[in-house]
Amino acid sequence: MKSSPLFAGLVYAVAFMLAGTLLASLVLLGTNIPEKSWLGATLFIHGIAMLVGGAVSGKRSGGKGWYHGGLLGAMYTVVVWMIGFLAYDAGFSKEMLGLAVVALLAGALGGMIGINLKK
C-alpha cells in the first residue's frame, strides 16, 4: 500500500529540521554568537527541510508536485506554529509569516524537483 505523500514528506522534513537544529545548537554552544542573530540560519534550516520534504512528497505523489509541496509547506508551518504556541505561548508573528513564505516556496520547489526525480 502506498503511504501518504504528505505524511512521508512531513517525516523527512522534520528529520532534516531536527538534524539542522542540532547542528546549529552545537555551533551556538561552541561560539559566542548571540542567539538573536540566528533568524536567517533558522529560516535556512527550515527551507532546506521543506525542500527535502517537498521533494519526497512530490516524488511519492506522482503528479502536481508544486501542489503537494506547497500543501506540505502549509502543514509544516501550522505544526511549527502549534508547537510554539503550546510550548512557549508564542502568537503569530512576522517571523512566523516569514517561515510560512519560506516553507510554501521551498516546499513547492521541492515538489517540482521531486516530480522530476521520478523514473
C-alpha atoms as a PDB file:
ATOM      1  CA  MET A   1       0.000   0.000   0.000  1.00  0.00           C
ATOM      2  CA  LYS A   2       1.295   3.440  -0.949  1.00  0.00           C
ATOM      3  CA  SER A   3       1.836   5.739   2.018  1.00  0.00           C
ATOM      4  CA  SER A   4       0.554   9.300   2.057  1.00  0.00           C
ATOM      5  CA  PRO A   5       2.900  11.650   0.157  1.00  0.00           C
ATOM      6  CA  LEU A   6       2.223  14.454   2.633  1.00  0.00           C
ATOM      7  CA  PHE A   7       2.947  12.305   5.679  1.00  0.00           C
ATOM      8  CA  ALA A   8       6.166  10.952   4.146  1.00  0.00           C
ATOM      9  CA  GLY A   9       7.271  14.472   3.214  1.00  0.00           C
ATOM     10  CA  LEU A  10       6.466  15.738   6.700  1.00  0.00           C
ATOM     11  CA  VAL A  11       8.510  12.944   8.300  1.00  0.00           C
ATOM     12  CA  TYR A  12      11.526  13.734   6.112  1.00  0.00           C
ATOM     13  CA  ALA A  13      11.141  17.484   6.676  1.00  0.00           C
ATOM     14  CA  VAL A  14      11.005  17.072  10.454  1.00  0.00           C
ATOM     15  CA  ALA A  15      14.039  14.754  10.379  1.00  0.00           C
ATOM     16  CA  PHE A  16      16.077  17.301   8.402  1.00  0.00           C
ATOM     17  CA  MET A  17      14.851  20.136  10.605  1.00  0.00           C
ATOM     18  CA  LEU A  18      15.914  18.253  13.737  1.00  0.00           C
ATOM     19  CA  ALA A  19      19.345  17.483  12.256  1.00  0.00           C
ATOM     20  CA  GLY A  20      19.809  21.118  11.228  1.00  0.00           C
ATOM     21  CA  THR A  21      18.680  22.358  14.622  1.00  0.00           C
ATOM     22  CA  LEU A  22      21.103  20.019  16.375  1.00  0.00           C
ATOM     23  CA  LEU A  23      23.960  21.240  14.170  1.00  0.00           C
ATOM     24  CA  ALA A  24      23.033  24.887  14.782  1.00  0.00           C
ATOM     25  CA  SER A  25      22.832  24.238  18.532  1.00  0.00           C
ATOM     26  CA  LEU A  26      26.316  22.749  18.513  1.00  0.00           C
ATOM     27  CA  VAL A  27      27.635  25.773  16.628  1.00  0.00           C
ATOM     28  CA  LEU A  28      25.922  28.080  19.150  1.00  0.00           C
ATOM     29  CA  LEU A  29      27.419  26.097  22.010  1.00  0.00           C
ATOM     30  CA  GLY A  30      30.945  26.329  20.603  1.00  0.00           C
ATOM     31  CA  THR A  31      30.876  30.037  19.710  1.00  0.00           C
ATOM     32  CA  ASN A  32      29.767  33.241  21.357  1.00  0.00           C
ATOM     33  CA  ILE A  33      27.470  34.336  18.524  1.00  0.00           C
ATOM     34  CA  PRO A  34      24.327  35.881  20.046  1.00  0.00           C
ATOM     35  CA  GLU A  35      21.244  33.706  19.732  1.00  0.00           C
ATOM     36  CA  LYS A  36      19.104  36.593  18.454  1.00  0.00           C
ATOM     37  CA  SER A  37      21.187  36.874  15.269  1.00  0.00           C
ATOM     38  CA  TRP A  38      20.235  33.372  14.066  1.00  0.00           C
ATOM     39  CA  LEU A  39      16.920  34.166  12.338  1.00  0.00           C
ATOM     40  CA  GLY A  40      18.483  33.783   8.880  1.00  0.00           C
ATOM     41  CA  ALA A  41      20.071  30.471   9.824  1.00  0.00           C
ATOM     42  CA  THR A  42      16.768  29.266  11.249  1.00  0.00           C
ATOM     43  CA  LEU A  43      14.903  30.142   8.066  1.00  0.00           C
ATOM     44  CA  PHE A  44      17.650  28.436   6.035  1.00  0.00           C
ATOM     45  CA  ILE A  45      17.295  25.242   8.094  1.00  0.00           C
ATOM     46  CA  HIS A  46      13.506  25.277   7.658  1.00  0.00           C
ATOM     47  CA  GLY A  47      13.919  25.998   3.937  1.00  0.00           C
ATOM     48  CA  ILE A  48      16.260  23.039   3.410  1.00  0.00           C
ATOM     49  CA  ALA A  49      13.949  20.805   5.430  1.00  0.00           C
ATOM     50  CA  MET A  50      10.995  21.872   3.286  1.00  0.00           C
ATOM     51  CA  LEU A  51      12.946  21.438   0.058  1.00  0.00           C
ATOM     52  CA  VAL A  52      13.746  17.840   1.023  1.00  0.00           C
ATOM     53  CA  GLY A  53      10.242  17.172   2.367  1.00  0.00           C
ATOM     54  CA  GLY A  54       8.668  18.690  -0.739  1.00  0.00           C
ATOM     55  CA  ALA A  55      10.879  16.549  -2.988  1.00  0.00           C
ATOM     56  CA  VAL A  56       9.842  13.399  -1.134  1.00  0.00           C
ATOM     57  CA  SER A  57       6.195  14.432  -1.232  1.00  0.00           C
ATOM     58  CA  GLY A  58       6.344  15.305  -4.922  1.00  0.00           C
ATOM     59  CA  LYS A  59       8.133  12.096  -5.850  1.00  0.00           C
ATOM     60  CA  ARG A  60       5.584   9.956  -3.999  1.00  0.00           C
ATOM     61  CA  SER A  61       2.556  11.874  -5.266  1.00  0.00           C
ATOM     62  CA  GLY A  62       3.054  11.091  -8.929  1.00  0.00           C
ATOM     63  CA  GLY A  63       1.666  14.451 -10.089  1.00  0.00           C
ATOM     64  CA  LYS A  64       1.158  18.087  -9.135  1.00  0.00           C
ATOM     65  CA  GLY A  65       4.416  18.268  -7.203  1.00  0.00           C
ATOM     66  CA  TRP A  66       4.146  22.001  -6.616  1.00  0.00           C
ATOM     67  CA  TYR A  67       0.715  21.489  -5.064  1.00  0.00           C
ATOM     68  CA  HIS A  68       1.796  18.671  -2.758  1.00  0.00           C
ATOM     69  CA  GLY A  69       4.986  20.536  -1.787  1.00  0.00           C
ATOM     70  CA  GLY A  70       3.102  23.780  -1.126  1.00  0.00           C
ATOM     71  CA  LEU A  71       0.473  21.951   0.902  1.00  0.00           C
ATOM     72  CA  LEU A  72       3.278  20.311   2.868  1.00  0.00           C
ATOM     73  CA  GLY A  73       4.741  23.778   3.498  1.00  0.00           C
ATOM     74  CA  ALA A  74       1.400  24.963   4.872  1.00  0.00           C
ATOM     75  CA  MET A  75       1.082  21.877   7.097  1.00  0.00           C
ATOM     76  CA  TYR A  76       4.672  22.290   8.318  1.00  0.00           C
ATOM     77  CA  THR A  77       4.039  25.941   9.195  1.00  0.00           C
ATOM     78  CA  VAL A  78       0.910  25.038  11.151  1.00  0.00           C
ATOM     79  CA  VAL A  79       2.778  22.296  13.050  1.00  0.00           C
ATOM     80  CA  VAL A  80       5.691  24.629  13.918  1.00  0.00           C
ATOM     81  CA  TRP A  81       3.263  27.380  14.949  1.00  0.00           C
ATOM     82  CA  MET A  82       1.243  24.977  17.115  1.00  0.00           C
ATOM     83  CA  ILE A  83       4.395  23.742  18.875  1.00  0.00           C
ATOM     84  CA  GLY A  84       5.477  27.332  19.513  1.00  0.00           C
ATOM     85  CA  PHE A  85       2.022  28.290  20.718  1.00  0.00           C
ATOM     86  CA  LEU A  86       1.584  25.314  23.028  1.00  0.00           C
ATOM     87  CA  ALA A  87       5.137  25.218  24.391  1.00  0.00           C
ATOM     88  CA  TYR A  88       6.020  28.919  24.566  1.00  0.00           C
ATOM     89  CA  ASP A  89       2.650  30.697  24.284  1.00  0.00           C
ATOM     90  CA  ALA A  90       4.004  32.376  21.130  1.00  0.00           C
ATOM     91  CA  GLY A  91       1.488  34.080  18.885  1.00  0.00           C
ATOM     92  CA  PHE A  92       1.613  34.531  15.123  1.00  0.00           C
ATOM     93  CA  SER A  93       4.449  36.986  14.427  1.00  0.00           C
ATOM     94  CA  LYS A  94       6.275  38.440  11.445  1.00  0.00           C
ATOM     95  CA  GLU A  95       8.939  35.749  11.913  1.00  0.00           C
ATOM     96  CA  MET A  96       6.247  33.077  11.621  1.00  0.00           C
ATOM     97  CA  LEU A  97       4.935  34.809   8.498  1.00  0.00           C
ATOM     98  CA  GLY A  98       8.482  34.697   7.088  1.00  0.00           C
ATOM     99  CA  LEU A  99       8.639  30.990   7.912  1.00  0.00           C
ATOM    100  CA  ALA A 100       5.302  30.456   6.152  1.00  0.00           C
ATOM    101  CA  VAL A 101       6.577  32.151   2.983  1.00  0.00           C
ATOM    102  CA  VAL A 102       9.850  30.179   3.031  1.00  0.00           C
ATOM    103  CA  ALA A 103       8.043  26.901   3.754  1.00  0.00           C
ATOM    104  CA  LEU A 104       5.466  27.374   0.995  1.00  0.00           C
ATOM    105  CA  LEU A 105       8.016  28.379  -1.638  1.00  0.00           C
ATOM    106  CA  ALA A 106      10.650  25.796  -0.692  1.00  0.00           C
ATOM    107  CA  GLY A 107       8.029  23.065  -0.399  1.00  0.00           C
ATOM    108  CA  ALA A 108       6.563  23.881  -3.814  1.00  0.00           C
ATOM    109  CA  LEU A 109      10.029  23.988  -5.392  1.00  0.00           C
ATOM    110  CA  GLY A 110      10.932  20.703  -3.715  1.00  0.00           C
ATOM    111  CA  GLY A 111       7.709  19.169  -5.002  1.00  0.00           C
ATOM    112  CA  MET A 112       8.570  20.197  -8.554  1.00  0.00           C
ATOM    113  CA  ILE A 113      12.045  18.720  -8.147  1.00  0.00           C
ATOM    114  CA  GLY A 114      10.564  15.531  -6.684  1.00  0.00           C
ATOM    115  CA  ILE A 115       8.234  15.003  -9.646  1.00  0.00           C
ATOM    116  CA  ASN A 116      11.225  15.216 -11.971  1.00  0.00           C
ATOM    117  CA  LEU A 117      13.189  12.696  -9.883  1.00  0.00           C
ATOM    118  CA  LYS A 118      10.598  10.025 -10.595  1.00  0.00           C
ATOM    119  CA  LYS A 119      11.759   7.379 -13.071  1.00  0.00           C
END
